[in-house]
Amino acid sequence: MGAVMKSFQADVVKEFNMLLDYTRDIDRMISDDELYWLYSLSRHTFKELNVVELGTYTGVSAIFIAAGLKEAYKMTTVDICKYSKSNDTIEIIQKANADLGLKIEFIKSNDLAFVDSLPDYCIDRIFIDSDHNYEHINQIFEHVMRKMSAGGLMMFHDYTPAEAGEVRAITEFVEVYGDLFNGFGLNDTIWWGIIKGV
């Protein structure tokens, strides 16, 4: 590994640890390893992105995704606040925007209704961590695929045996429509797929 790459990696780790300290007291349902993968993925992105997160909870994953994006970006996170109070989430995100210079927009909405409001082919990256049941994941695919840009990255959190409906829905979709992806895989409990374009 060259000196420039080593320096870059050292910066990524240093910045990540600072974010961990910043968010340590905020409730979360995502591991440090998963947050590192999301942050590192953003840090290795060198183009403008339109990023959407479905399922905000307290905003921790949105903070890590947005903090890693150094180029121009739009980051929107959407939740109906079933498991958190919207005022708490708004306060956390507004504070992170002010403290860290982020540009996260929080919208209280049903995830599918929000996605339907977007123009086709406009999402470059999406992190999905809302309802994990089989029917909902199938609806996510139905509503989100036409909104994805060519080369866009789709990610689902909690791809685990505990969320058997999500695993089944993703597996069945890939079996039938796998040719819509340039590639797909698993990082910890985050399933990801790169869209060819639809």
C-alpha atoms as a PDB file:
ATOM      1  CA  MET A   1       0.000   0.000   0.000  1.00  0.00           C
ATOM      2  CA  GLY A   2       1.411   3.400  -1.002  1.00  0.00           C
ATOM      3  CA  ALA A   3       2.053   6.234   1.429  1.00  0.00           C
ATOM      4  CA  VAL A   4      -0.882   8.278   0.107  1.00  0.00           C
ATOM      5  CA  MET A   5      -3.296   5.353   0.542  1.00  0.00           C
ATOM      6  CA  LYS A   6      -1.978   4.630   4.046  1.00  0.00           C
ATOM      7  CA  SER A   7      -2.466   8.273   4.986  1.00  0.00           C
ATOM      8  CA  PHE A   8      -5.996   8.215   3.551  1.00  0.00           C
ATOM      9  CA  GLN A   9      -6.881   5.042   5.482  1.00  0.00           C
ATOM     10  CA  ALA A  10      -5.445   6.522   8.685  1.00  0.00           C
ATOM     11  CA  ASP A  11      -7.633   9.609   8.172  1.00  0.00           C
ATOM     12  CA  VAL A  12     -10.719   7.419   7.625  1.00  0.00           C
ATOM     13  CA  VAL A  13     -10.108   5.525  10.873  1.00  0.00           C
ATOM     14  CA  LYS A  14      -9.389   8.730  12.817  1.00  0.00           C
ATOM     15  CA  GLU A  15     -12.544  10.436  11.525  1.00  0.00           C
ATOM     16  CA  PHE A  16     -14.625   7.319  12.156  1.00  0.00           C
ATOM     17  CA  ASN A  17     -13.461   7.124  15.776  1.00  0.00           C
ATOM     18  CA  MET A  18     -14.335  10.802  16.239  1.00  0.00           C
ATOM     19  CA  LEU A  19     -17.855  10.080  14.944  1.00  0.00           C
ATOM     20  CA  LEU A  20     -18.157   7.095  17.287  1.00  0.00           C
ATOM     21  CA  ASP A  21     -17.299   9.372  20.213  1.00  0.00           C
ATOM     22  CA  TYR A  22     -19.769  11.994  18.973  1.00  0.00           C
ATOM     23  CA  THR A  23     -22.644   9.499  18.698  1.00  0.00           C
ATOM     24  CA  ARG A  24     -21.749   7.230  21.637  1.00  0.00           C
ATOM     25  CA  ASP A  25     -24.697   8.306  23.810  1.00  0.00           C
ATOM     26  CA  ILE A  26     -27.288   8.148  21.011  1.00  0.00           C
ATOM     27  CA  ASP A  27     -29.425   5.003  20.948  1.00  0.00           C
ATOM     28  CA  ARG A  28     -28.832   2.868  17.854  1.00  0.00           C
ATOM     29  CA  MET A  29     -29.720  -0.455  16.270  1.00  0.00           C
ATOM     30  CA  ILE A  30     -26.582  -0.863  14.155  1.00  0.00           C
ATOM     31  CA  SER A  31     -23.136  -2.179  15.054  1.00  0.00           C
ATOM     32  CA  ASP A  32     -19.867  -0.234  15.028  1.00  0.00           C
ATOM     33  CA  ASP A  33     -18.574  -2.555  12.271  1.00  0.00           C
ATOM     34  CA  GLU A  34     -21.590  -1.790  10.084  1.00  0.00           C
ATOM     35  CA  LEU A  35     -21.205   1.938  10.730  1.00  0.00           C
ATOM     36  CA  TYR A  36     -17.537   1.708   9.734  1.00  0.00           C
ATOM     37  CA  TRP A  37     -18.483   0.004   6.459  1.00  0.00           C
ATOM     38  CA  LEU A  38     -21.094   2.680   5.669  1.00  0.00           C
ATOM     39  CA  TYR A  39     -18.698   5.499   6.564  1.00  0.00           C
ATOM     40  CA  SER A  40     -15.744   4.010   4.691  1.00  0.00           C
ATOM     41  CA  LEU A  41     -17.930   3.405   1.630  1.00  0.00           C
ATOM     42  CA  SER A  42     -18.917   7.082   1.665  1.00  0.00           C
ATOM     43  CA  ARG A  43     -15.294   8.210   2.139  1.00  0.00           C
ATOM     44  CA  HIS A  44     -14.277   6.222  -0.936  1.00  0.00           C
ATOM     45  CA  THR A  45     -16.918   7.976  -3.076  1.00  0.00           C
ATOM     46  CA  PHE A  46     -15.685  10.856  -5.193  1.00  0.00           C
ATOM     47  CA  LYS A  47     -18.756  12.070  -7.035  1.00  0.00           C
ATOM     48  CA  GLU A  48     -21.968  13.927  -6.271  1.00  0.00           C
ATOM     49  CA  LEU A  49     -24.666  11.640  -4.890  1.00  0.00           C
ATOM     50  CA  ASN A  50     -28.352  11.704  -4.071  1.00  0.00           C
ATOM     51  CA  VAL A  51     -28.591   9.463  -0.990  1.00  0.00           C
ATOM     52  CA  VAL A  52     -31.804   8.211   0.637  1.00  0.00           C
ATOM     53  CA  GLU A  53     -32.223   6.341   3.899  1.00  0.00           C
ATOM     54  CA  LEU A  54     -35.533   4.622   4.686  1.00  0.00           C
ATOM     55  CA  GLY A  55     -35.779   4.041   8.437  1.00  0.00           C
ATOM     56  CA  THR A  56     -34.005   6.773  10.404  1.00  0.00           C
ATOM     57  CA  TYR A  57     -34.581   5.722  14.019  1.00  0.00           C
ATOM     58  CA  THR A  58     -32.305   8.210  15.842  1.00  0.00           C
ATOM     59  CA  GLY A  59     -30.272   9.223  12.798  1.00  0.00           C
ATOM     60  CA  VAL A  60     -26.959   7.558  13.666  1.00  0.00           C
ATOM     61  CA  SER A  61     -26.513   5.693  10.367  1.00  0.00           C
ATOM     62  CA  ALA A  62     -27.464   8.842   8.424  1.00  0.00           C
ATOM     63  CA  ILE A  63     -24.797  10.790  10.330  1.00  0.00           C
ATOM     64  CA  PHE A  64     -22.093   8.268   9.395  1.00  0.00           C
ATOM     65  CA  ILE A  65     -23.161   8.073   5.747  1.00  0.00           C
ATOM     66  CA  ALA A  66     -23.336  11.864   5.326  1.00  0.00           C
ATOM     67  CA  ALA A  67     -20.122  12.541   7.257  1.00  0.00           C
ATOM     68  CA  GLY A  68     -18.191  10.364   4.839  1.00  0.00           C
ATOM     69  CA  LEU A  69     -19.436  12.166   1.737  1.00  0.00           C
ATOM     70  CA  LYS A  70     -16.908  14.894   1.039  1.00  0.00           C
ATOM     71  CA  GLU A  71     -18.220  15.880  -2.398  1.00  0.00           C
ATOM     72  CA  ALA A  72     -21.547  17.619  -3.023  1.00  0.00           C
ATOM     73  CA  TYR A  73     -24.420  15.424  -1.935  1.00  0.00           C
ATOM     74  CA  LYS A  74     -28.072  15.380  -0.990  1.00  0.00           C
ATOM     75  CA  MET A  75     -28.960  13.156   1.980  1.00  0.00           C
ATOM     76  CA  THR A  76     -32.590  12.532   2.899  1.00  0.00           C
ATOM     77  CA  THR A  77     -33.628  10.216   5.714  1.00  0.00           C
ATOM     78  CA  VAL A  78     -37.245   9.146   6.116  1.00  0.00           C
ATOM     79  CA  ASP A  79     -39.125   7.577   9.026  1.00  0.00           C
ATOM     80  CA  ILE A  80     -42.649   7.418  10.427  1.00  0.00           C
ATOM     81  CA  CYS A  81     -41.055   7.385  13.918  1.00  0.00           C
ATOM     82  CA  LYS A  82     -42.671   4.174  15.113  1.00  0.00           C
ATOM     83  CA  TYR A  83     -39.708   3.441  17.409  1.00  0.00           C
ATOM     84  CA  SER A  84     -38.490   6.967  18.184  1.00  0.00           C
ATOM     85  CA  LYS A  85     -40.007  10.389  18.787  1.00  0.00           C
ATOM     86  CA  SER A  86     -39.753  12.582  15.700  1.00  0.00           C
ATOM     87  CA  ASN A  87     -38.784  15.619  17.796  1.00  0.00           C
ATOM     88  CA  ASP A  88     -35.837  13.686  19.275  1.00  0.00           C
ATOM     89  CA  THR A  89     -34.715  12.531  15.822  1.00  0.00           C
ATOM     90  CA  ILE A  90     -35.029  16.039  14.393  1.00  0.00           C
ATOM     91  CA  GLU A  91     -33.029  17.463  17.287  1.00  0.00           C
ATOM     92  CA  ILE A  92     -30.227  14.886  16.875  1.00  0.00           C
ATOM     93  CA  ILE A  93     -29.990  15.484  13.129  1.00  0.00           C
ATOM     94  CA  GLN A  94     -30.117  19.276  13.417  1.00  0.00           C
ATOM     95  CA  LYS A  95     -27.365  19.178  16.043  1.00  0.00           C
ATOM     96  CA  ALA A  96     -25.201  16.906  13.870  1.00  0.00           C
ATOM     97  CA  ASN A  97     -25.761  19.183  10.868  1.00  0.00           C
ATOM     98  CA  ALA A  98     -24.604  22.173  12.929  1.00  0.00           C
ATOM     99  CA  ASP A  99     -21.741  20.453  14.771  1.00  0.00           C
ATOM    100  CA  LEU A 100     -20.336  18.426  11.879  1.00  0.00           C
ATOM    101  CA  GLY A 101     -21.292  20.562   8.874  1.00  0.00           C
ATOM    102  CA  LEU A 102     -23.628  17.897   7.489  1.00  0.00           C
ATOM    103  CA  LYS A 103     -26.606  18.362   5.160  1.00  0.00           C
ATOM    104  CA  ILE A 104     -29.091  15.719   6.301  1.00  0.00           C
ATOM    105  CA  GLU A 105     -32.778  16.362   5.698  1.00  0.00           C
ATOM    106  CA  PHE A 106     -35.223  14.421   7.881  1.00  0.00           C
ATOM    107  CA  ILE A 107     -38.722  13.796   6.566  1.00  0.00           C
ATOM    108  CA  LYS A 108     -41.451  12.204   8.680  1.00  0.00           C
ATOM    109  CA  SER A 109     -43.295  10.053   6.179  1.00  0.00           C
ATOM    110  CA  ASN A 110     -44.227   6.555   5.143  1.00  0.00           C
ATOM    111  CA  ASP A 111     -41.218   5.221   3.245  1.00  0.00           C
ATOM    112  CA  LEU A 112     -43.119   4.046   0.161  1.00  0.00           C
ATOM    113  CA  ALA A 113     -45.077   7.305  -0.121  1.00  0.00           C
ATOM    114  CA  PHE A 114     -41.812   9.255  -0.010  1.00  0.00           C
ATOM    115  CA  VAL A 115     -40.175   7.062  -2.650  1.00  0.00           C
ATOM    116  CA  ASP A 116     -43.221   7.436  -4.917  1.00  0.00           C
ATOM    117  CA  SER A 117     -42.849  11.236  -4.696  1.00  0.00           C
ATOM    118  CA  LEU A 118     -39.385  11.095  -6.297  1.00  0.00           C
ATOM    119  CA  PRO A 119     -38.611  11.243 -10.012  1.00  0.00           C
ATOM    120  CA  ASP A 120     -37.457   8.052 -11.699  1.00  0.00           C
ATOM    121  CA  TYR A 121     -33.721   7.223 -11.782  1.00  0.00           C
ATOM    122  CA  CYS A 122     -32.801   9.862  -9.172  1.00  0.00           C
ATOM    123  CA  ILE A 123     -31.423   7.763  -6.271  1.00  0.00           C
ATOM    124  CA  ASP A 124     -27.695   7.021  -6.387  1.00  0.00           C
ATOM    125  CA  ARG A 125     -27.516   5.245  -3.038  1.00  0.00           C
ATOM    126  CA  ILE A 126     -30.208   3.941  -0.697  1.00  0.00           C
ATOM    127  CA  PHE A 127     -29.928   2.408   2.770  1.00  0.00           C
ATOM    128  CA  ILE A 128     -33.103   0.550   3.748  1.00  0.00           C
ATOM    129  CA  ASP A 129     -33.718  -0.125   7.426  1.00  0.00           C
ATOM    130  CA  SER A 130     -37.467   0.299   7.823  1.00  0.00           C
ATOM    131  CA  ASP A 131     -39.998  -2.539   8.053  1.00  0.00           C
ATOM    132  CA  HIS A 132     -38.273  -5.901   7.510  1.00  0.00           C
ATOM    133  CA  ASN A 133     -41.268  -8.141   6.823  1.00  0.00           C
ATOM    134  CA  TYR A 134     -41.579 -10.129   3.599  1.00  0.00           C
ATOM    135  CA  GLU A 135     -44.472  -8.150   2.094  1.00  0.00           C
ATOM    136  CA  HIS A 136     -42.847  -4.795   2.788  1.00  0.00           C
ATOM    137  CA  ILE A 137     -39.477  -5.764   1.307  1.00  0.00           C
ATOM    138  CA  ASN A 138     -41.289  -6.879  -1.853  1.00  0.00           C
ATOM    139  CA  GLN A 139     -43.033  -3.492  -1.948  1.00  0.00           C
ATOM    140  CA  ILE A 140     -39.687  -1.757  -1.463  1.00  0.00           C
ATOM    141  CA  PHE A 141     -38.294  -3.499  -4.546  1.00  0.00           C
ATOM    142  CA  GLU A 142     -41.432  -2.656  -6.537  1.00  0.00           C
ATOM    143  CA  HIS A 143     -41.313   1.043  -5.613  1.00  0.00           C
ATOM    144  CA  VAL A 144     -37.554   1.667  -5.384  1.00  0.00           C
ATOM    145  CA  MET A 145     -36.064  -0.109  -8.417  1.00  0.00           C
ATOM    146  CA  ARG A 146     -37.409   2.397 -10.951  1.00  0.00           C
ATOM    147  CA  LYS A 147     -36.060   5.257  -8.833  1.00  0.00           C
ATOM    148  CA  MET A 148     -32.464   3.965  -8.878  1.00  0.00           C
ATOM    149  CA  SER A 149     -29.843   5.467 -11.150  1.00  0.00           C
ATOM    150  CA  ALA A 150     -27.632   3.220 -13.282  1.00  0.00           C
ATOM    151  CA  GLY A 151     -24.747   2.171 -11.055  1.00  0.00           C
ATOM    152  CA  GLY A 152     -26.777   3.039  -7.957  1.00  0.00           C
ATOM    153  CA  LEU A 153     -26.174   1.145  -4.736  1.00  0.00           C
ATOM    154  CA  MET A 154     -29.080  -0.467  -2.870  1.00  0.00           C
ATOM    155  CA  MET A 155     -28.460  -1.640   0.712  1.00  0.00           C
ATOM    156  CA  PHE A 156     -30.716  -3.501   3.164  1.00  0.00           C
ATOM    157  CA  HIS A 157     -29.861  -3.640   6.872  1.00  0.00           C
ATOM    158  CA  ASP A 158     -30.625  -6.668   9.087  1.00  0.00           C
ATOM    159  CA  TYR A 159     -30.151  -9.402   6.491  1.00  0.00           C
ATOM    160  CA  THR A 160     -30.134 -12.078   9.221  1.00  0.00           C
ATOM    161  CA  PRO A 161     -32.045 -15.263  10.154  1.00  0.00           C
ATOM    162  CA  ALA A 162     -33.915 -13.162  12.734  1.00  0.00           C
ATOM    163  CA  GLU A 163     -35.447 -11.227   9.818  1.00  0.00           C
ATOM    164  CA  ALA A 164     -36.396 -14.277   7.751  1.00  0.00           C
ATOM    165  CA  GLY A 165     -38.992 -12.346   5.738  1.00  0.00           C
ATOM    166  CA  GLU A 166     -36.403  -9.869   4.523  1.00  0.00           C
ATOM    167  CA  VAL A 167     -33.935 -12.623   3.635  1.00  0.00           C
ATOM    168  CA  ARG A 168     -36.626 -14.551   1.749  1.00  0.00           C
ATOM    169  CA  ALA A 169     -37.840 -11.493  -0.181  1.00  0.00           C
ATOM    170  CA  ILE A 170     -34.334 -10.455  -1.234  1.00  0.00           C
ATOM    171  CA  THR A 171     -33.365 -14.029  -2.169  1.00  0.00           C
ATOM    172  CA  GLU A 172     -36.482 -14.484  -4.299  1.00  0.00           C
ATOM    173  CA  PHE A 173     -36.042 -11.103  -5.995  1.00  0.00           C
ATOM    174  CA  VAL A 174     -32.418 -11.839  -6.897  1.00  0.00           C
ATOM    175  CA  GLU A 175     -33.335 -15.308  -8.196  1.00  0.00           C
ATOM    176  CA  VAL A 176     -35.821 -13.759 -10.645  1.00  0.00           C
ATOM    177  CA  TYR A 177     -34.276 -10.346 -11.338  1.00  0.00           C
ATOM    178  CA  GLY A 178     -30.592 -10.896 -10.610  1.00  0.00           C
ATOM    179  CA  ASP A 179     -29.677  -9.657 -14.089  1.00  0.00           C
ATOM    180  CA  LEU A 180     -30.730  -6.132 -12.982  1.00  0.00           C
ATOM    181  CA  PHE A 181     -27.617  -6.015 -10.784  1.00  0.00           C
ATOM    182  CA  ASN A 182     -23.972  -5.614 -11.777  1.00  0.00           C
ATOM    183  CA  GLY A 183     -23.144  -7.378  -8.532  1.00  0.00           C
ATOM    184  CA  PHE A 184     -24.426  -8.020  -5.040  1.00  0.00           C
ATOM    185  CA  GLY A 185     -23.094  -9.295  -1.738  1.00  0.00           C
ATOM    186  CA  LEU A 186     -23.195  -9.165   2.028  1.00  0.00           C
ATOM    187  CA  ASN A 187     -21.168  -7.114   4.507  1.00  0.00           C
ATOM    188  CA  ASP A 188     -21.933  -8.176   8.072  1.00  0.00           C
ATOM    189  CA  THR A 189     -25.758  -7.895   8.083  1.00  0.00           C
ATOM    190  CA  ILE A 190     -25.966  -5.385   5.209  1.00  0.00           C
ATOM    191  CA  TRP A 191     -27.035  -6.886   1.879  1.00  0.00           C
ATOM    192  CA  TRP A 192     -25.999  -4.723  -1.084  1.00  0.00           C
ATOM    193  CA  GLY A 193     -26.591  -4.685  -4.811  1.00  0.00           C
ATOM    194  CA  ILE A 194     -25.290  -2.426  -7.605  1.00  0.00           C
ATOM    195  CA  ILE A 195     -27.961  -1.557 -10.140  1.00  0.00           C
ATOM    196  CA  LYS A 196     -27.335  -1.939 -13.879  1.00  0.00           C
ATOM    197  CA  GLY A 197     -30.234   0.362 -14.632  1.00  0.00           C
ATOM    198  CA  VAL A 198     -33.904  -0.370 -15.364  1.00  0.00           C
END
